[in-house]
Amino acid sequence: MRFHLIGAFCVFAIFQLAYSEKKLRQCNSQPYIDLNRIYGGSNARPMEFPHMASLKIRYLNSHICGATLIDDQWVLTAAHCFSRTRAPYNWKIKLGEHSLNNPDSTERDFNVIKVIIHEDYNSQNQLNDIALIKLNQSVDFKTNNHLKPICLADMKFIVRSGYHCVVSGWGKGEKGSVVTDVLQKLDQPLLNYEQCAKAWEGIGWPVTNKHVCVGDLKSQQGVCSGDSGGPVQCRLANGEWMQVGVTSWTTNICTATGYAAVFTQVNAYLDWINKNIESN
């Protein structure tokens, strides 16, 4: 079986969120399990995910990976998205995108001035598959009130059996295209790393306690190429989204049963994220 990198769900709770342009929005919330039951997903509504970003090759304007806005000037994605080049001038970020092929009035382009790959990222086994992107200017949330950074799950968040969240991305579609035109979303269960490691035992890259996995092991729906770097996000009681993971890897057959997509667990890297934002 071959494996490939993919570019990425959600919980309800009552809590208060505070946001400062100098401090990341973190979530402190208990999950709400009762959700009704991106490949096999459905079209997202325009701006349903106001934090969603598209990482593009700057001069080709081609979508490479998903990403998330986590601060007024910082975007979170996967380290493997920069396998082509780490040079910031080769990249740009588009916020507010819904359709890749048709211009949206909500779209905002930003150049990239810094790419920070986790210092322990290993391309041979995809451990520490996480990266930060610094935009060339801050997002003005007053004039662009349709955009909003996502809050990050804090250290108290523990994945439990039965939690359902949402993956979003422009990954491979049902007709075999490399990417889909319209942003897709898919509600699937979260699996903790023990469950995921068991599913991948002996056949995949290592799964550790810094991973969270997503997928119904009996279904033929899931994330795919082009979803890499995007989020698994959980819905909160006040309508906010909380990011739990960054899409990392899965099988080369996006709909293979018995396997869950593997995500870098965000709250395992909060210190790393905060340290790099503060020092850069």
C-alpha atoms as a PDB file:
ATOM      1  CA  MET A   1       0.000   0.000   0.000  1.00  0.00           C
ATOM      2  CA  ARG A   2       1.279   3.463  -0.875  1.00  0.00           C
ATOM      3  CA  PHE A   3       0.831   6.520   1.276  1.00  0.00           C
ATOM      4  CA  HIS A   4       0.572  10.153   0.384  1.00  0.00           C
ATOM      5  CA  LEU A   5       0.462  13.473   2.098  1.00  0.00           C
ATOM      6  CA  ILE A   6      -2.830  15.236   2.293  1.00  0.00           C
ATOM      7  CA  GLY A   7      -3.456  18.695   2.859  1.00  0.00           C
ATOM      8  CA  ALA A   8      -7.145  18.716   6.217  1.00  0.00           C
ATOM      9  CA  PHE A   9     -13.890  18.411  13.090  1.00  0.00           C
ATOM     10  CA  CYS A  10     -16.072  19.771  15.753  1.00  0.00           C
ATOM     11  CA  VAL A  11     -17.491  20.124  19.293  1.00  0.00           C
ATOM     12  CA  PHE A  12     -20.043  22.285  21.010  1.00  0.00           C
ATOM     13  CA  ALA A  13     -19.633  23.874  24.423  1.00  0.00           C
ATOM     14  CA  ILE A  14     -20.397  26.964  26.439  1.00  0.00           C
ATOM     15  CA  PHE A  15     -17.394  29.183  27.011  1.00  0.00           C
ATOM     16  CA  GLN A  16     -16.063  32.671  26.413  1.00  0.00           C
ATOM     17  CA  LEU A  17     -13.480  33.531  23.767  1.00  0.00           C
ATOM     18  CA  ALA A  18     -11.130  36.447  23.985  1.00  0.00           C
ATOM     19  CA  TYR A  19      -9.046  37.656  21.088  1.00  0.00           C
ATOM     20  CA  SER A  20      -6.107  39.996  20.980  1.00  0.00           C
ATOM     21  CA  GLU A  21      -3.937  40.701  17.980  1.00  0.00           C
ATOM     22  CA  LYS A  22      -0.957  39.963  20.234  1.00  0.00           C
ATOM     23  CA  LYS A  23      -2.258  36.675  21.590  1.00  0.00           C
ATOM     24  CA  LEU A  24      -3.528  33.582  19.816  1.00  0.00           C
ATOM     25  CA  ARG A  25      -7.154  32.690  20.260  1.00  0.00           C
ATOM     26  CA  GLN A  26      -7.233  29.476  22.262  1.00  0.00           C
ATOM     27  CA  CYS A  27     -10.300  27.436  23.031  1.00  0.00           C
ATOM     28  CA  ASN A  28     -11.160  26.065  26.430  1.00  0.00           C
ATOM     29  CA  SER A  29     -14.287  24.038  26.012  1.00  0.00           C
ATOM     30  CA  GLN A  30     -15.977  20.732  26.651  1.00  0.00           C
ATOM     31  CA  PRO A  31     -17.145  18.878  23.518  1.00  0.00           C
ATOM     32  CA  TYR A  32     -20.773  18.479  22.612  1.00  0.00           C
ATOM     33  CA  ILE A  33     -21.162  15.102  20.884  1.00  0.00           C
ATOM     34  CA  ASP A  34     -24.643  15.321  19.355  1.00  0.00           C
ATOM     35  CA  LEU A  35     -23.936  16.106  15.694  1.00  0.00           C
ATOM     36  CA  ASN A  36     -26.042  14.713  12.872  1.00  0.00           C
ATOM     37  CA  ARG A  37     -24.784  12.440  10.624  1.00  0.00           C
ATOM     38  CA  ILE A  38     -12.856  15.527   0.998  1.00  0.00           C
ATOM     39  CA  TYR A  39     -13.940  13.067  -0.821  1.00  0.00           C
ATOM     40  CA  GLY A  40     -17.565  12.390  -0.664  1.00  0.00           C
ATOM     41  CA  GLY A  41     -18.115  15.694   1.127  1.00  0.00           C
ATOM     42  CA  SER A  42     -20.451  18.548   0.291  1.00  0.00           C
ATOM     43  CA  ASN A  43     -19.973  22.155  -0.756  1.00  0.00           C
ATOM     44  CA  ALA A  44     -19.278  24.532   2.101  1.00  0.00           C
ATOM     45  CA  ARG A  45     -21.348  27.697   2.267  1.00  0.00           C
ATOM     46  CA  PRO A  46     -19.460  30.873   1.295  1.00  0.00           C
ATOM     47  CA  MET A  47     -17.480  32.066   4.338  1.00  0.00           C
ATOM     48  CA  GLU A  48     -18.717  29.165   6.468  1.00  0.00           C
ATOM     49  CA  PHE A  49     -15.076  28.824   7.507  1.00  0.00           C
ATOM     50  CA  PRO A  50     -13.831  32.451   7.738  1.00  0.00           C
ATOM     51  CA  HIS A  51     -10.386  31.272   8.831  1.00  0.00           C
ATOM     52  CA  MET A  52      -9.802  29.011   5.805  1.00  0.00           C
ATOM     53  CA  ALA A  53      -6.855  29.877   3.573  1.00  0.00           C
ATOM     54  CA  SER A  54      -5.387  28.631   0.322  1.00  0.00           C
ATOM     55  CA  LEU A  55      -1.602  28.330   0.049  1.00  0.00           C
ATOM     56  CA  LYS A  56      -0.637  28.996  -3.557  1.00  0.00           C
ATOM     57  CA  ILE A  57       2.409  29.117  -5.789  1.00  0.00           C
ATOM     58  CA  ARG A  58       2.670  32.873  -6.148  1.00  0.00           C
ATOM     59  CA  TYR A  59       3.385  33.274  -9.850  1.00  0.00           C
ATOM     60  CA  LEU A  60       1.122  30.443 -11.006  1.00  0.00           C
ATOM     61  CA  ASN A  61      -1.754  31.206  -8.630  1.00  0.00           C
ATOM     62  CA  SER A  62      -2.179  27.452  -8.214  1.00  0.00           C
ATOM     63  CA  HIS A  63      -3.591  25.905  -5.047  1.00  0.00           C
ATOM     64  CA  ILE A  64      -1.137  23.633  -3.244  1.00  0.00           C
ATOM     65  CA  CYS A  65      -2.397  23.252   0.313  1.00  0.00           C
ATOM     66  CA  GLY A  66      -5.034  24.364   2.747  1.00  0.00           C
ATOM     67  CA  ALA A  67      -4.142  26.507   5.749  1.00  0.00           C
ATOM     68  CA  THR A  68      -5.809  28.434   8.586  1.00  0.00           C
ATOM     69  CA  LEU A  69      -5.627  32.018   9.773  1.00  0.00           C
ATOM     70  CA  ILE A  70      -4.734  31.912  13.483  1.00  0.00           C
ATOM     71  CA  ASP A  71      -3.745  35.548  14.082  1.00  0.00           C
ATOM     72  CA  ASP A  72      -3.870  38.861  12.249  1.00  0.00           C
ATOM     73  CA  GLN A  73      -0.560  38.071  10.497  1.00  0.00           C
ATOM     74  CA  TRP A  74       0.002  34.329  10.919  1.00  0.00           C
ATOM     75  CA  VAL A  75      -1.275  31.238   9.125  1.00  0.00           C
ATOM     76  CA  LEU A  76      -0.917  27.593  10.193  1.00  0.00           C
ATOM     77  CA  THR A  77      -0.312  24.731   7.755  1.00  0.00           C
ATOM     78  CA  ALA A  78       1.669  21.496   7.275  1.00  0.00           C
ATOM     79  CA  ALA A  79       5.444  21.397   6.861  1.00  0.00           C
ATOM     80  CA  HIS A  80       5.266  18.968   3.937  1.00  0.00           C
ATOM     81  CA  CYS A  81       3.459  21.594   1.865  1.00  0.00           C
ATOM     82  CA  PHE A  82       6.856  23.242   1.317  1.00  0.00           C
ATOM     83  CA  SER A  83       8.542  20.230  -0.275  1.00  0.00           C
ATOM     84  CA  ARG A  84       8.948  22.260  -3.483  1.00  0.00           C
ATOM     85  CA  THR A  85      10.602  25.250  -1.882  1.00  0.00           C
ATOM     86  CA  ARG A  86      10.734  27.038   1.447  1.00  0.00           C
ATOM     87  CA  ALA A  87      11.536  30.417  -0.086  1.00  0.00           C
ATOM     88  CA  PRO A  88       8.786  32.846   1.069  1.00  0.00           C
ATOM     89  CA  TYR A  89       8.721  34.845  -2.194  1.00  0.00           C
ATOM     90  CA  ASN A  90       7.491  31.761  -4.074  1.00  0.00           C
ATOM     91  CA  TRP A  91       4.278  31.633  -2.074  1.00  0.00           C
ATOM     92  CA  LYS A  92       1.134  33.604  -1.384  1.00  0.00           C
ATOM     93  CA  ILE A  93      -1.901  33.163   0.828  1.00  0.00           C
ATOM     94  CA  LYS A  94      -5.458  33.781  -0.293  1.00  0.00           C
ATOM     95  CA  LEU A  95      -8.036  34.366   2.422  1.00  0.00           C
ATOM     96  CA  GLY A  96     -11.795  34.451   1.890  1.00  0.00           C
ATOM     97  CA  GLU A  97     -11.656  32.032  -1.021  1.00  0.00           C
ATOM     98  CA  HIS A  98     -14.630  29.838  -1.866  1.00  0.00           C
ATOM     99  CA  SER A  99     -14.221  28.931  -5.527  1.00  0.00           C
ATOM    100  CA  LEU A 100     -10.714  28.332  -6.892  1.00  0.00           C
ATOM    101  CA  ASN A 101     -11.766  29.056 -10.468  1.00  0.00           C
ATOM    102  CA  ASN A 102     -14.136  31.969 -10.036  1.00  0.00           C
ATOM    103  CA  PRO A 103     -13.192  35.247  -8.326  1.00  0.00           C
ATOM    104  CA  ASP A 104     -15.027  35.922  -5.084  1.00  0.00           C
ATOM    105  CA  SER A 105     -15.582  39.400  -3.672  1.00  0.00           C
ATOM    106  CA  THR A 106     -14.428  38.064  -0.308  1.00  0.00           C
ATOM    107  CA  GLU A 107     -10.945  37.115  -1.547  1.00  0.00           C
ATOM    108  CA  ARG A 108      -7.864  38.843  -0.137  1.00  0.00           C
ATOM    109  CA  ASP A 109      -4.313  38.123  -1.335  1.00  0.00           C
ATOM    110  CA  PHE A 110      -1.238  38.308   0.865  1.00  0.00           C
ATOM    111  CA  ASN A 111       2.398  37.736   0.055  1.00  0.00           C
ATOM    112  CA  VAL A 112       4.485  35.587   2.371  1.00  0.00           C
ATOM    113  CA  ILE A 113       7.502  37.085   4.160  1.00  0.00           C
ATOM    114  CA  LYS A 114       8.446  34.142   6.378  1.00  0.00           C
ATOM    115  CA  VAL A 115       8.031  30.371   6.382  1.00  0.00           C
ATOM    116  CA  ILE A 116       8.837  28.579   9.642  1.00  0.00           C
ATOM    117  CA  ILE A 117       9.095  24.795   9.414  1.00  0.00           C
ATOM    118  CA  HIS A 118       9.211  22.857  12.674  1.00  0.00           C
ATOM    119  CA  GLU A 119      12.885  22.266  13.408  1.00  0.00           C
ATOM    120  CA  ASP A 120      12.257  18.554  14.047  1.00  0.00           C
ATOM    121  CA  TYR A 121      10.134  17.949  10.967  1.00  0.00           C
ATOM    122  CA  ASN A 122      11.176  14.685   9.319  1.00  0.00           C
ATOM    123  CA  SER A 123      10.136  14.227   5.703  1.00  0.00           C
ATOM    124  CA  GLN A 124      10.952  10.509   5.913  1.00  0.00           C
ATOM    125  CA  ASN A 125       8.273   9.750   8.503  1.00  0.00           C
ATOM    126  CA  GLN A 126       6.254  13.006   8.589  1.00  0.00           C
ATOM    127  CA  LEU A 127       6.712  13.569  12.312  1.00  0.00           C
ATOM    128  CA  ASN A 128       6.265  17.190  13.466  1.00  0.00           C
ATOM    129  CA  ASP A 129       4.459  18.032  10.229  1.00  0.00           C
ATOM    130  CA  ILE A 130       3.573  21.622  11.080  1.00  0.00           C
ATOM    131  CA  ALA A 131       4.572  25.056   9.789  1.00  0.00           C
ATOM    132  CA  LEU A 132       3.826  28.743  10.266  1.00  0.00           C
ATOM    133  CA  ILE A 133       3.483  31.403   7.590  1.00  0.00           C
ATOM    134  CA  LYS A 134       3.902  35.112   8.239  1.00  0.00           C
ATOM    135  CA  LEU A 135       1.941  37.437   5.958  1.00  0.00           C
ATOM    136  CA  ASN A 136       3.431  40.608   4.500  1.00  0.00           C
ATOM    137  CA  GLN A 137       0.845  42.695   6.338  1.00  0.00           C
ATOM    138  CA  SER A 138      -1.722  42.306   9.085  1.00  0.00           C
ATOM    139  CA  VAL A 139      -5.338  41.527   8.268  1.00  0.00           C
ATOM    140  CA  ASP A 140      -7.586  44.477   9.059  1.00  0.00           C
ATOM    141  CA  PHE A 141     -10.550  42.738  10.655  1.00  0.00           C
ATOM    142  CA  LYS A 142     -12.563  45.968  10.771  1.00  0.00           C
ATOM    143  CA  THR A 143     -12.598  46.458   7.017  1.00  0.00           C
ATOM    144  CA  ASN A 144     -12.563  42.695   6.379  1.00  0.00           C
ATOM    145  CA  ASN A 145     -15.118  41.599   8.943  1.00  0.00           C
ATOM    146  CA  HIS A 146     -15.906  38.480   6.909  1.00  0.00           C
ATOM    147  CA  LEU A 147     -12.479  37.104   7.908  1.00  0.00           C
ATOM    148  CA  LYS A 148     -11.746  35.724  11.347  1.00  0.00           C
ATOM    149  CA  PRO A 149      -8.872  33.759  12.888  1.00  0.00           C
ATOM    150  CA  ILE A 150      -9.697  30.359  14.298  1.00  0.00           C
ATOM    151  CA  CYS A 151      -9.108  29.580  17.958  1.00  0.00           C
ATOM    152  CA  LEU A 152      -6.837  26.681  18.827  1.00  0.00           C
ATOM    153  CA  ALA A 153      -7.715  23.758  21.076  1.00  0.00           C
ATOM    154  CA  ASP A 154      -5.932  24.105  24.401  1.00  0.00           C
ATOM    155  CA  MET A 155      -4.084  21.454  26.408  1.00  0.00           C
ATOM    156  CA  LYS A 156      -7.284  20.436  28.211  1.00  0.00           C
ATOM    157  CA  PHE A 157      -8.868  19.169  25.011  1.00  0.00           C
ATOM    158  CA  ILE A 158      -8.832  15.359  24.889  1.00  0.00           C
ATOM    159  CA  VAL A 159     -10.133  13.372  21.938  1.00  0.00           C
ATOM    160  CA  ARG A 160     -12.794  10.929  23.080  1.00  0.00           C
ATOM    161  CA  SER A 161     -14.727   8.254  21.233  1.00  0.00           C
ATOM    162  CA  GLY A 162     -17.811   9.651  19.535  1.00  0.00           C
ATOM    163  CA  TYR A 163     -16.618  13.182  18.861  1.00  0.00           C
ATOM    164  CA  HIS A 164     -17.536  14.364  15.373  1.00  0.00           C
ATOM    165  CA  CYS A 165     -15.852  17.332  13.742  1.00  0.00           C
ATOM    166  CA  VAL A 166     -15.421  18.798  10.246  1.00  0.00           C
ATOM    167  CA  VAL A 167     -12.624  18.667   7.705  1.00  0.00           C
ATOM    168  CA  SER A 168     -12.549  21.354   5.016  1.00  0.00           C
ATOM    169  CA  GLY A 169     -10.444  21.677   1.883  1.00  0.00           C
ATOM    170  CA  TRP A 170     -10.186  21.824  -1.876  1.00  0.00           C
ATOM    171  CA  GLY A 171      -8.738  18.315  -2.238  1.00  0.00           C
ATOM    172  CA  LYS A 172      -9.258  15.711  -4.946  1.00  0.00           C
ATOM    173  CA  GLY A 173     -12.875  15.356  -6.006  1.00  0.00           C
ATOM    174  CA  GLU A 174     -15.064  12.422  -6.889  1.00  0.00           C
ATOM    175  CA  LYS A 175     -14.442  12.867 -10.620  1.00  0.00           C
ATOM    176  CA  GLY A 176     -10.700  12.423 -10.164  1.00  0.00           C
ATOM    177  CA  SER A 177      -9.674  16.070 -10.495  1.00  0.00           C
ATOM    178  CA  VAL A 178      -6.563  17.116  -8.588  1.00  0.00           C
ATOM    179  CA  VAL A 179      -8.580  19.696  -6.668  1.00  0.00           C
ATOM    180  CA  THR A 180     -12.227  20.642  -6.403  1.00  0.00           C
ATOM    181  CA  ASP A 181     -13.374  24.097  -7.437  1.00  0.00           C
ATOM    182  CA  VAL A 182     -15.587  24.839  -4.444  1.00  0.00           C
ATOM    183  CA  LEU A 183     -14.445  24.430  -0.844  1.00  0.00           C
ATOM    184  CA  GLN A 184     -15.621  21.084   0.515  1.00  0.00           C
ATOM    185  CA  LYS A 185     -16.585  20.030   4.044  1.00  0.00           C
ATOM    186  CA  LEU A 186     -17.033  16.607   5.589  1.00  0.00           C
ATOM    187  CA  ASP A 187     -18.322  15.629   9.031  1.00  0.00           C
ATOM    188  CA  GLN A 188     -16.432  12.624  10.416  1.00  0.00           C
ATOM    189  CA  PRO A 189     -15.488  11.147  13.794  1.00  0.00           C
ATOM    190  CA  LEU A 190     -12.243  11.890  15.595  1.00  0.00           C
ATOM    191  CA  LEU A 191     -10.021   9.016  16.664  1.00  0.00           C
ATOM    192  CA  ASN A 192      -7.388   9.322  19.367  1.00  0.00           C
ATOM    193  CA  TYR A 193      -3.850   8.300  18.571  1.00  0.00           C
ATOM    194  CA  GLU A 194      -4.187   4.838  20.178  1.00  0.00           C
ATOM    195  CA  GLN A 195      -7.119   3.982  17.900  1.00  0.00           C
ATOM    196  CA  CYS A 196      -5.321   5.426  14.907  1.00  0.00           C
ATOM    197  CA  ALA A 197      -1.995   3.743  15.644  1.00  0.00           C
ATOM    198  CA  LYS A 198      -3.801   0.403  15.809  1.00  0.00           C
ATOM    199  CA  ALA A 199      -5.401   0.981  12.393  1.00  0.00           C
ATOM    200  CA  TRP A 200      -2.016   1.838  10.850  1.00  0.00           C
ATOM    201  CA  GLU A 201       0.069  -0.685  12.794  1.00  0.00           C
ATOM    202  CA  GLY A 202       2.900  -2.069  10.680  1.00  0.00           C
ATOM    203  CA  ILE A 203       1.904  -0.393   7.412  1.00  0.00           C
ATOM    204  CA  GLY A 204       2.053   3.394   7.770  1.00  0.00           C
ATOM    205  CA  TRP A 205       4.303   6.125   9.041  1.00  0.00           C
ATOM    206  CA  PRO A 206       4.445   6.273  12.856  1.00  0.00           C
ATOM    207  CA  VAL A 207       1.419   7.593  14.731  1.00  0.00           C
ATOM    208  CA  THR A 208       2.247   9.232  18.085  1.00  0.00           C
ATOM    209  CA  ASN A 209       0.498  11.103  20.887  1.00  0.00           C
ATOM    210  CA  LYS A 210       1.087  14.265  18.845  1.00  0.00           C
ATOM    211  CA  HIS A 211      -1.386  13.036  16.239  1.00  0.00           C
ATOM    212  CA  VAL A 212      -5.162  12.972  16.009  1.00  0.00           C
ATOM    213  CA  CYS A 213      -6.956  10.990  13.323  1.00  0.00           C
ATOM    214  CA  VAL A 214     -10.151  11.563  11.431  1.00  0.00           C
ATOM    215  CA  GLY A 215     -12.416   9.182   9.616  1.00  0.00           C
ATOM    216  CA  ASP A 216     -15.110   6.562   9.766  1.00  0.00           C
ATOM    217  CA  LEU A 217     -13.144   3.339   9.322  1.00  0.00           C
ATOM    218  CA  LYS A 218     -16.153   1.763   7.556  1.00  0.00           C
ATOM    219  CA  SER A 219     -16.936   4.578   5.117  1.00  0.00           C
ATOM    220  CA  GLN A 220     -15.522   5.596   1.747  1.00  0.00           C
ATOM    221  CA  GLN A 221     -15.229   9.300   2.501  1.00  0.00           C
ATOM    222  CA  GLY A 222     -12.191  11.227   3.575  1.00  0.00           C
ATOM    223  CA  VAL A 223      -9.540  13.822   2.964  1.00  0.00           C
ATOM    224  CA  CYS A 224      -7.308  13.670  -0.090  1.00  0.00           C
ATOM    225  CA  SER A 225      -4.447  15.377  -1.911  1.00  0.00           C
ATOM    226  CA  GLY A 226      -4.964  19.126  -1.991  1.00  0.00           C
ATOM    227  CA  ASP A 227      -6.448  19.047   1.522  1.00  0.00           C
ATOM    228  CA  SER A 228      -2.941  19.035   3.045  1.00  0.00           C
ATOM    229  CA  GLY A 229      -2.309  21.679   5.687  1.00  0.00           C
ATOM    230  CA  GLY A 230      -5.994  22.363   6.183  1.00  0.00           C
ATOM    231  CA  PRO A 231      -7.888  21.977   9.448  1.00  0.00           C
ATOM    232  CA  VAL A 232      -9.969  19.507  11.310  1.00  0.00           C
ATOM    233  CA  GLN A 233     -12.194  21.871  13.253  1.00  0.00           C
ATOM    234  CA  CYS A 234     -14.868  21.474  15.884  1.00  0.00           C
ATOM    235  CA  ARG A 235     -17.945  23.646  16.282  1.00  0.00           C
ATOM    236  CA  LEU A 236     -18.557  25.382  19.589  1.00  0.00           C
ATOM    237  CA  ALA A 237     -21.821  26.411  21.215  1.00  0.00           C
ATOM    238  CA  ASN A 238     -21.526  30.077  20.275  1.00  0.00           C
ATOM    239  CA  GLY A 239     -20.861  29.256  16.615  1.00  0.00           C
ATOM    240  CA  GLU A 240     -17.076  29.572  16.786  1.00  0.00           C
ATOM    241  CA  TRP A 241     -14.746  27.004  15.260  1.00  0.00           C
ATOM    242  CA  MET A 242     -11.917  25.353  17.188  1.00  0.00           C
ATOM    243  CA  GLN A 243      -8.973  23.841  15.315  1.00  0.00           C
ATOM    244  CA  VAL A 244      -7.879  20.438  16.588  1.00  0.00           C
ATOM    245  CA  GLY A 245      -5.499  19.280  13.865  1.00  0.00           C
ATOM    246  CA  VAL A 246      -3.551  20.046  10.692  1.00  0.00           C
ATOM    247  CA  THR A 247      -3.999  17.605   7.810  1.00  0.00           C
ATOM    248  CA  SER A 248      -0.882  15.500   7.297  1.00  0.00           C
ATOM    249  CA  TRP A 249      -1.173  12.098   5.543  1.00  0.00           C
ATOM    250  CA  THR A 250      -3.316   9.108   4.571  1.00  0.00           C
ATOM    251  CA  THR A 251      -3.354   6.320   1.964  1.00  0.00           C
ATOM    252  CA  ASN A 252      -2.988   7.131  -1.721  1.00  0.00           C
ATOM    253  CA  ILE A 253      -6.527   5.755  -2.108  1.00  0.00           C
ATOM    254  CA  CYS A 254      -8.533   8.471  -0.416  1.00  0.00           C
ATOM    255  CA  THR A 255     -11.592   6.275   0.018  1.00  0.00           C
ATOM    256  CA  ALA A 256      -9.875   3.132   1.359  1.00  0.00           C
ATOM    257  CA  THR A 257     -11.857   1.603   4.213  1.00  0.00           C
ATOM    258  CA  GLY A 258     -10.203   0.715   7.489  1.00  0.00           C
ATOM    259  CA  TYR A 259      -7.845   3.686   7.559  1.00  0.00           C
ATOM    260  CA  ALA A 260      -8.150   7.143   9.078  1.00  0.00           C
ATOM    261  CA  ALA A 261      -6.446  10.313   7.877  1.00  0.00           C
ATOM    262  CA  VAL A 262      -3.646  11.452  10.170  1.00  0.00           C
ATOM    263  CA  PHE A 263      -3.482  15.020  11.470  1.00  0.00           C
ATOM    264  CA  THR A 264      -0.843  16.869  13.466  1.00  0.00           C
ATOM    265  CA  GLN A 265      -2.495  17.588  16.831  1.00  0.00           C
ATOM    266  CA  VAL A 266      -2.495  21.350  17.329  1.00  0.00           C
ATOM    267  CA  ASN A 267      -2.467  21.505  21.108  1.00  0.00           C
ATOM    268  CA  ALA A 268       0.734  19.428  21.210  1.00  0.00           C
ATOM    269  CA  TYR A 269       2.469  22.345  19.496  1.00  0.00           C
ATOM    270  CA  LEU A 270       0.977  25.371  21.262  1.00  0.00           C
ATOM    271  CA  ASP A 271       4.261  26.289  22.912  1.00  0.00           C
ATOM    272  CA  TRP A 272       6.089  26.037  19.597  1.00  0.00           C
ATOM    273  CA  ILE A 273       3.466  28.166  17.840  1.00  0.00           C
ATOM    274  CA  ASN A 274       3.461  30.861  20.496  1.00  0.00           C
ATOM    275  CA  LYS A 275       7.255  30.970  20.792  1.00  0.00           C
ATOM    276  CA  ASN A 276       7.768  31.441  17.060  1.00  0.00           C
ATOM    277  CA  ILE A 277       5.086  34.079  16.701  1.00  0.00           C
ATOM    278  CA  GLU A 278       6.460  36.049  19.639  1.00  0.00           C
ATOM    279  CA  SER A 279      10.048  35.918  18.334  1.00  0.00           C
ATOM    280  CA  ASN A 280       9.263  36.697  14.703  1.00  0.00           C
END
